[in-house]
Amino acid sequence: MPELNLENYSDLIIGLLTLLVGLSIRDWATAFVKGARFRFDPSFAEGDKVILDDQQAMIVKIGLNTTVFGVYGDDGYTWRFVPNERIAMLKLEKIVDPELHADTKQEKAQKIIDAIQNSDISDNRLEIDKLKGYSSVNDKKEK
């Protein structure tokens, strides 16, 4: 039986082992970096209410590899575990103020009316002051 000399293959074996270790760590390192980036992003924090893929949710825990969302659904309140490398692929929106609403047409019209009336009142006040002989606010205080 021929003798196998491992000294000739030592560089090859070390190179293959380095490659295997590097590939196994790569996924973990990617998830770690994305988790750290998401964790230190000031836009999101644990406890924030969000909309996750069109469902109301809350950020329960931002881990280094996985983020946990509490999702309100038909089955009740469930936890959804999302690997951090998938966060960028999700539709994630932060709920800033649930009581905030867009103005109705009637509210928008009322704001325009109020702005016009305030402008007219200011214009009228200036005209009245001119008729009384006040040329500025300082003249009015002196008399």
C-alpha atoms as a PDB file:
ATOM      1  CA  MET A   1       0.000   0.000   0.000  1.00  0.00           C
ATOM      2  CA  PRO A   2       1.432   3.386  -0.964  1.00  0.00           C
ATOM      3  CA  GLU A   3       2.197   5.700   1.884  1.00  0.00           C
ATOM      4  CA  LEU A   4       0.278   9.010   1.983  1.00  0.00           C
ATOM      5  CA  ASN A   5       2.478  11.993   2.745  1.00  0.00           C
ATOM      6  CA  LEU A   6       0.352  14.738   4.349  1.00  0.00           C
ATOM      7  CA  GLU A   7       3.199  17.258   4.397  1.00  0.00           C
ATOM      8  CA  ASN A   8       2.697  17.855   0.690  1.00  0.00           C
ATOM      9  CA  TYR A   9      -0.983  18.591   1.214  1.00  0.00           C
ATOM     10  CA  SER A  10      -0.729  20.670   4.417  1.00  0.00           C
ATOM     11  CA  ASP A  11      -1.118  24.022   2.609  1.00  0.00           C
ATOM     12  CA  LEU A  12      -4.132  22.690   0.731  1.00  0.00           C
ATOM     13  CA  ILE A  13      -5.752  21.337   3.912  1.00  0.00           C
ATOM     14  CA  ILE A  14      -5.159  24.605   5.801  1.00  0.00           C
ATOM     15  CA  GLY A  15      -6.601  26.572   2.882  1.00  0.00           C
ATOM     16  CA  LEU A  16      -9.727  24.387   2.731  1.00  0.00           C
ATOM     17  CA  LEU A  17     -10.265  24.596   6.494  1.00  0.00           C
ATOM     18  CA  THR A  18      -9.902  28.385   6.365  1.00  0.00           C
ATOM     19  CA  LEU A  19     -12.425  28.542   3.544  1.00  0.00           C
ATOM     20  CA  LEU A  20     -14.931  26.347   5.417  1.00  0.00           C
ATOM     21  CA  VAL A  21     -14.607  28.371   8.619  1.00  0.00           C
ATOM     22  CA  GLY A  22     -14.899  31.637   6.682  1.00  0.00           C
ATOM     23  CA  LEU A  23     -18.058  30.508   4.884  1.00  0.00           C
ATOM     24  CA  SER A  24     -19.672  29.301   8.098  1.00  0.00           C
ATOM     25  CA  ILE A  25     -18.945  32.591   9.887  1.00  0.00           C
ATOM     26  CA  ARG A  26     -20.023  34.780   6.941  1.00  0.00           C
ATOM     27  CA  ASP A  27     -23.778  34.288   7.434  1.00  0.00           C
ATOM     28  CA  TRP A  28     -23.527  34.852  11.159  1.00  0.00           C
ATOM     29  CA  ALA A  29     -21.403  37.985  10.666  1.00  0.00           C
ATOM     30  CA  THR A  30     -23.840  39.362   8.067  1.00  0.00           C
ATOM     31  CA  ALA A  31     -26.785  38.861  10.425  1.00  0.00           C
ATOM     32  CA  PHE A  32     -24.786  40.374  13.295  1.00  0.00           C
ATOM     33  CA  VAL A  33     -23.891  43.519  11.321  1.00  0.00           C
ATOM     34  CA  LYS A  34     -27.453  43.988  10.046  1.00  0.00           C
ATOM     35  CA  GLY A  35     -28.829  43.434  13.548  1.00  0.00           C
ATOM     36  CA  ALA A  36     -26.411  45.967  15.020  1.00  0.00           C
ATOM     37  CA  ARG A  37     -27.269  48.447  12.274  1.00  0.00           C
ATOM     38  CA  PHE A  38     -31.022  48.002  12.927  1.00  0.00           C
ATOM     39  CA  ARG A  39     -30.558  48.102  16.715  1.00  0.00           C
ATOM     40  CA  PHE A  40     -28.648  51.385  16.640  1.00  0.00           C
ATOM     41  CA  ASP A  41     -30.881  52.997  14.002  1.00  0.00           C
ATOM     42  CA  PRO A  42     -32.611  55.864  15.844  1.00  0.00           C
ATOM     43  CA  SER A  43     -35.727  55.411  13.696  1.00  0.00           C
ATOM     44  CA  PHE A  44     -36.757  52.193  15.455  1.00  0.00           C
ATOM     45  CA  ALA A  45     -36.594  51.022  19.067  1.00  0.00           C
ATOM     46  CA  GLU A  46     -37.982  48.209  21.164  1.00  0.00           C
ATOM     47  CA  GLY A  47     -41.591  48.983  22.069  1.00  0.00           C
ATOM     48  CA  ASP A  48     -42.299  50.985  18.894  1.00  0.00           C
ATOM     49  CA  LYS A  49     -45.616  50.331  17.195  1.00  0.00           C
ATOM     50  CA  VAL A  50     -45.133  49.530  13.518  1.00  0.00           C
ATOM     51  CA  ILE A  51     -46.927  48.208  10.467  1.00  0.00           C
ATOM     52  CA  LEU A  52     -45.161  45.030   9.359  1.00  0.00           C
ATOM     53  CA  ASP A  53     -46.237  43.729   5.955  1.00  0.00           C
ATOM     54  CA  ASP A  54     -49.650  45.456   6.283  1.00  0.00           C
ATOM     55  CA  GLN A  55     -50.265  44.158   9.838  1.00  0.00           C
ATOM     56  CA  GLN A  56     -50.139  46.198  13.031  1.00  0.00           C
ATOM     57  CA  ALA A  57     -47.232  45.031  15.186  1.00  0.00           C
ATOM     58  CA  MET A  58     -44.856  46.056  17.952  1.00  0.00           C
ATOM     59  CA  ILE A  59     -41.086  45.616  18.137  1.00  0.00           C
ATOM     60  CA  VAL A  60     -40.591  43.290  21.105  1.00  0.00           C
ATOM     61  CA  LYS A  61     -36.839  42.659  20.941  1.00  0.00           C
ATOM     62  CA  ILE A  62     -34.049  43.657  18.559  1.00  0.00           C
ATOM     63  CA  GLY A  63     -31.398  40.978  18.847  1.00  0.00           C
ATOM     64  CA  LEU A  64     -28.075  40.676  17.114  1.00  0.00           C
ATOM     65  CA  ASN A  65     -29.288  37.851  14.857  1.00  0.00           C
ATOM     66  CA  THR A  66     -33.080  37.986  15.101  1.00  0.00           C
ATOM     67  CA  THR A  67     -35.711  40.660  15.727  1.00  0.00           C
ATOM     68  CA  VAL A  68     -38.995  39.718  17.399  1.00  0.00           C
ATOM     69  CA  PHE A  69     -42.206  41.486  16.394  1.00  0.00           C
ATOM     70  CA  GLY A  70     -45.483  41.119  18.265  1.00  0.00           C
ATOM     71  CA  VAL A  71     -48.170  40.925  15.571  1.00  0.00           C
ATOM     72  CA  TYR A  72     -51.869  41.575  16.123  1.00  0.00           C
ATOM     73  CA  GLY A  73     -53.759  39.222  13.819  1.00  0.00           C
ATOM     74  CA  ASP A  74     -56.826  37.029  13.449  1.00  0.00           C
ATOM     75  CA  ASP A  75     -55.236  34.428  15.727  1.00  0.00           C
ATOM     76  CA  GLY A  76     -54.571  36.994  18.459  1.00  0.00           C
ATOM     77  CA  TYR A  77     -51.235  38.432  19.481  1.00  0.00           C
ATOM     78  CA  THR A  78     -48.361  36.340  18.091  1.00  0.00           C
ATOM     79  CA  TRP A  79     -44.600  36.742  17.999  1.00  0.00           C
ATOM     80  CA  ARG A  80     -42.917  36.793  14.612  1.00  0.00           C
ATOM     81  CA  PHE A  81     -39.203  36.009  14.595  1.00  0.00           C
ATOM     82  CA  VAL A  82     -37.430  37.693  11.670  1.00  0.00           C
ATOM     83  CA  PRO A  83     -33.750  37.087  10.852  1.00  0.00           C
ATOM     84  CA  ASN A  84     -32.017  40.475  10.716  1.00  0.00           C
ATOM     85  CA  GLU A  85     -30.717  39.919   7.194  1.00  0.00           C
ATOM     86  CA  ARG A  86     -34.380  39.881   6.059  1.00  0.00           C
ATOM     87  CA  ILE A  87     -35.375  43.183   7.738  1.00  0.00           C
ATOM     88  CA  ALA A  88     -34.451  45.186   4.632  1.00  0.00           C
ATOM     89  CA  MET A  89     -36.822  43.049   2.533  1.00  0.00           C
ATOM     90  CA  LEU A  90     -39.839  43.706   4.757  1.00  0.00           C
ATOM     91  CA  LYS A  91     -42.316  46.529   4.408  1.00  0.00           C
ATOM     92  CA  LEU A  92     -41.807  48.175   7.795  1.00  0.00           C
ATOM     93  CA  GLU A  93     -43.516  51.446   8.734  1.00  0.00           C
ATOM     94  CA  LYS A  94     -43.410  53.184  12.102  1.00  0.00           C
ATOM     95  CA  ILE A  95     -46.662  54.396  13.678  1.00  0.00           C
ATOM     96  CA  VAL A  96     -45.785  57.870  14.915  1.00  0.00           C
ATOM     97  CA  ASP A  97     -49.173  59.054  16.210  1.00  0.00           C
ATOM     98  CA  PRO A  98     -52.236  56.811  15.936  1.00  0.00           C
ATOM     99  CA  GLU A  99     -54.537  59.757  16.750  1.00  0.00           C
ATOM    100  CA  LEU A 100     -53.186  61.874  13.883  1.00  0.00           C
ATOM    101  CA  HIS A 101     -55.477  61.972  10.867  1.00  0.00           C
ATOM    102  CA  ALA A 102     -55.538  63.695   7.527  1.00  0.00           C
ATOM    103  CA  ASP A 103     -57.741  66.778   7.374  1.00  0.00           C
ATOM    104  CA  THR A 104     -61.149  66.309   5.789  1.00  0.00           C
ATOM    105  CA  LYS A 105     -62.216  68.608   2.942  1.00  0.00           C
ATOM    106  CA  GLN A 106     -64.349  70.548   5.407  1.00  0.00           C
ATOM    107  CA  GLU A 107     -61.388  71.057   7.795  1.00  0.00           C
ATOM    108  CA  LYS A 108     -59.141  72.184   4.927  1.00  0.00           C
ATOM    109  CA  ALA A 109     -61.807  74.670   3.766  1.00  0.00           C
ATOM    110  CA  GLN A 110     -62.196  76.033   7.312  1.00  0.00           C
ATOM    111  CA  LYS A 111     -58.416  76.570   7.573  1.00  0.00           C
ATOM    112  CA  ILE A 112     -58.459  78.546   4.308  1.00  0.00           C
ATOM    113  CA  ILE A 113     -61.403  80.661   5.500  1.00  0.00           C
ATOM    114  CA  ASP A 114     -59.669  81.351   8.827  1.00  0.00           C
ATOM    115  CA  ALA A 115     -56.437  82.362   7.067  1.00  0.00           C
ATOM    116  CA  ILE A 116     -58.327  84.757   4.761  1.00  0.00           C
ATOM    117  CA  GLN A 117     -60.261  86.272   7.662  1.00  0.00           C
ATOM    118  CA  ASN A 118     -57.082  86.754   9.720  1.00  0.00           C
ATOM    119  CA  SER A 119     -55.434  88.436   6.749  1.00  0.00           C
ATOM    120  CA  ASP A 120     -58.457  90.710   6.243  1.00  0.00           C
ATOM    121  CA  ILE A 121     -58.489  91.640   9.943  1.00  0.00           C
ATOM    122  CA  SER A 122     -54.798  92.559   9.815  1.00  0.00           C
ATOM    123  CA  ASP A 123     -55.319  94.631   6.679  1.00  0.00           C
ATOM    124  CA  ASN A 124     -58.307  96.409   8.234  1.00  0.00           C
ATOM    125  CA  ARG A 125     -56.363  97.156  11.415  1.00  0.00           C
ATOM    126  CA  LEU A 126     -53.601  98.802   9.365  1.00  0.00           C
ATOM    127  CA  GLU A 127     -56.135 100.908   7.423  1.00  0.00           C
ATOM    128  CA  ILE A 128     -57.847 102.026  10.649  1.00  0.00           C
ATOM    129  CA  ASP A 129     -54.492 103.026  12.148  1.00  0.00           C
ATOM    130  CA  LYS A 130     -53.687 105.072   9.018  1.00  0.00           C
ATOM    131  CA  LEU A 131     -57.024 106.881   9.267  1.00  0.00           C
ATOM    132  CA  LYS A 132     -56.352 107.692  12.919  1.00  0.00           C
ATOM    133  CA  GLY A 133     -52.996 109.112  11.942  1.00  0.00           C
ATOM    134  CA  TYR A 134     -50.756 106.400  13.335  1.00  0.00           C
ATOM    135  CA  SER A 135     -47.887 105.696  10.994  1.00  0.00           C
ATOM    136  CA  SER A 136     -46.418 102.845  13.046  1.00  0.00           C
ATOM    137  CA  VAL A 137     -46.917 100.845  16.190  1.00  0.00           C
ATOM    138  CA  ASN A 138     -44.520 103.180  18.038  1.00  0.00           C
ATOM    139  CA  ASP A 139     -46.678 106.221  17.180  1.00  0.00           C
ATOM    140  CA  LYS A 140     -49.687 104.439  18.603  1.00  0.00           C
ATOM    141  CA  LYS A 141     -47.888 103.832  21.916  1.00  0.00           C
ATOM    142  CA  GLU A 142     -46.747 107.482  22.192  1.00  0.00           C
ATOM    143  CA  LYS A 143     -50.283 108.925  21.850  1.00  0.00           C
END
